[in-house]
Amino acid sequence: AVDGKNATSFLRFGSSYASTGPTEGQDISLWAVDMETIVTIRRIKIELPPCCKDSLQNAVIEILDTDQNVVSSQQITESRRKMLPNDNDLVVVLDMDWVKGRFIRIKRYGGLNLNLA
């Protein structure tokens, strides 16, 4: 994963990461995963435990190509955030319209923490 501190290190598909906040001197927290090849992305689903419910509020999900150009981008709005039936966990679902890309990046602006577990 990329947290802004080392832009060349990516965790592989299936990994998890928790960020404490933006890189010093910057106003953005970010996380990215390298799928290692171009894949077709239909939907992104993120489940958050109670501790992290607000960590994706107004974050942006980006799909990037091999050269790390943004090919698709969606903001996580309140309408995309749903409570799971157990009333503890939150799920965010983004329909990505079968976009092709290699990297998935989550960005949160405003000096706010981005916590994924």
Protein backbone atom coordinates (compact mmCIF):
# COMPACT_ATOMS: atom_id res chain seq x y z
CA ALA A 1 0.00 0.00 0.00
CA VAL A 2 1.01 3.56 -0.47
CA ASP A 3 0.48 6.03 2.35
CA GLY A 4 2.30 8.98 0.81
CA LYS A 5 5.50 8.22 2.69
CA ASN A 6 6.96 5.85 0.10
CA ALA A 7 5.28 6.15 -3.28
CA THR A 8 7.00 3.08 -4.71
CA SER A 9 5.90 0.41 -2.21
CA PHE A 10 2.57 -1.31 -2.81
CA LEU A 11 1.00 -4.16 -0.89
CA ARG A 12 -0.41 -6.90 -3.06
CA PHE A 13 -4.06 -7.79 -3.69
CA GLY A 14 -5.86 -9.00 -0.57
CA SER A 15 -3.79 -6.95 1.85
CA SER A 16 -4.97 -4.62 4.59
CA TYR A 17 -3.50 -1.40 5.93
CA ALA A 18 -4.18 1.23 8.56
CA SER A 19 -2.95 4.80 8.12
CA THR A 20 -2.63 7.26 10.98
CA GLY A 21 -3.00 10.35 8.86
CA PRO A 22 -1.51 12.47 6.12
CA THR A 23 2.19 12.66 5.41
CA GLU A 24 3.87 15.52 7.25
CA GLY A 25 3.44 18.77 5.36
CA GLN A 26 0.66 17.39 3.16
CA ASP A 27 -3.11 17.67 3.37
CA ILE A 28 -3.92 14.19 2.04
CA SER A 29 -4.04 10.62 3.35
CA LEU A 30 -3.88 7.88 0.75
CA TRP A 31 -3.76 4.13 0.23
CA ALA A 32 -3.29 2.15 -2.97
CA VAL A 33 -3.11 -1.43 -4.12
CA ASP A 34 -1.33 -2.78 -7.20
CA MET A 35 -3.32 -5.53 -8.91
CA GLU A 36 -0.09 -6.43 -10.81
CA THR A 37 -1.90 -6.52 -14.16
CA ILE A 38 -4.77 -4.73 -15.89
CA VAL A 39 -8.07 -6.00 -14.48
CA THR A 40 -11.71 -5.20 -15.16
CA ILE A 41 -13.36 -3.71 -12.07
CA ARG A 42 -17.13 -4.02 -11.82
CA ARG A 43 -17.65 -3.08 -8.19
CA ILE A 44 -15.62 -2.07 -5.14
CA LYS A 45 -17.01 -3.09 -1.76
CA ILE A 46 -15.35 -1.97 1.46
CA GLU A 47 -16.56 -3.17 4.85
CA LEU A 48 -15.50 -1.08 7.84
CA PRO A 49 -15.62 -2.12 11.50
CA PRO A 50 -17.17 0.25 14.08
CA CYS A 51 -13.80 1.85 14.83
CA CYS A 52 -13.41 3.08 11.26
CA LYS A 53 -16.95 4.08 10.24
CA ASP A 54 -16.06 7.69 9.46
CA SER A 55 -12.64 7.10 7.95
CA LEU A 56 -13.92 7.03 4.36
CA GLN A 57 -16.39 9.89 4.65
CA ASN A 58 -15.86 12.11 1.58
CA ALA A 59 -12.88 10.06 0.42
CA VAL A 60 -12.24 9.49 -3.29
CA ILE A 61 -11.68 6.10 -4.95
CA GLU A 62 -9.57 6.21 -8.10
CA ILE A 63 -8.75 3.56 -10.68
CA LEU A 64 -5.41 4.07 -12.40
CA ASP A 65 -3.85 2.51 -15.48
CA THR A 66 -0.35 1.01 -15.71
CA ASP A 67 1.19 4.51 -16.00
CA GLN A 68 -0.81 5.62 -12.92
CA ASN A 69 -3.11 7.91 -14.89
CA VAL A 70 -6.59 8.17 -13.35
CA VAL A 71 -9.11 6.40 -15.62
CA SER A 72 -12.08 6.53 -13.22
CA SER A 73 -12.87 8.35 -9.98
CA GLN A 74 -15.79 8.35 -7.53
CA GLN A 75 -16.34 10.20 -4.29
CA ILE A 76 -17.68 8.23 -1.33
CA THR A 77 -20.82 10.13 -0.45
CA GLU A 78 -23.30 9.46 2.33
CA SER A 79 -25.64 7.74 -0.17
CA ARG A 80 -22.98 5.07 -0.86
CA ARG A 81 -22.52 4.24 2.85
CA LYS A 82 -24.88 1.59 4.30
CA MET A 83 -25.03 -0.02 7.73
CA LEU A 84 -24.87 -3.80 7.71
CA PRO A 85 -27.72 -5.71 9.41
CA ASN A 86 -25.72 -6.16 12.62
CA ASP A 87 -25.81 -2.32 13.04
CA ASN A 88 -22.11 -2.26 13.87
CA ASP A 89 -20.27 -2.46 10.57
CA LEU A 90 -20.51 -0.12 7.60
CA VAL A 91 -20.26 -1.13 3.96
CA VAL A 92 -19.38 1.16 1.07
CA VAL A 93 -20.29 -0.08 -2.41
CA LEU A 94 -19.14 1.64 -5.59
CA ASP A 95 -20.29 0.44 -9.01
CA MET A 96 -17.26 1.03 -11.24
CA ASP A 97 -18.93 0.33 -14.60
CA TRP A 98 -16.48 -2.41 -15.72
CA VAL A 99 -13.53 -0.01 -15.84
CA LYS A 100 -10.09 -1.42 -16.66
CA GLY A 101 -7.14 -0.51 -14.46
CA ARG A 102 -4.11 -1.75 -12.56
CA PHE A 103 -4.14 0.34 -9.36
CA ILE A 104 -6.92 1.22 -6.92
CA ARG A 105 -6.22 4.32 -4.82
CA ILE A 106 -8.20 5.84 -1.95
CA LYS A 107 -7.55 9.51 -1.11
CA ARG A 108 -8.87 11.61 1.75
CA TYR A 109 -8.25 15.35 1.85
CA GLY A 110 -8.35 17.93 4.60
CA GLY A 111 -5.70 16.45 6.86
CA LEU A 112 -8.13 13.72 7.97
CA ASN A 113 -7.11 10.19 8.88
CA LEU A 114 -7.73 7.33 6.48
CA ASN A 115 -8.16 4.11 8.45
CA LEU A 116 -8.65 0.75 6.79
CA ALA A 117 -8.44 -2.52 8.68
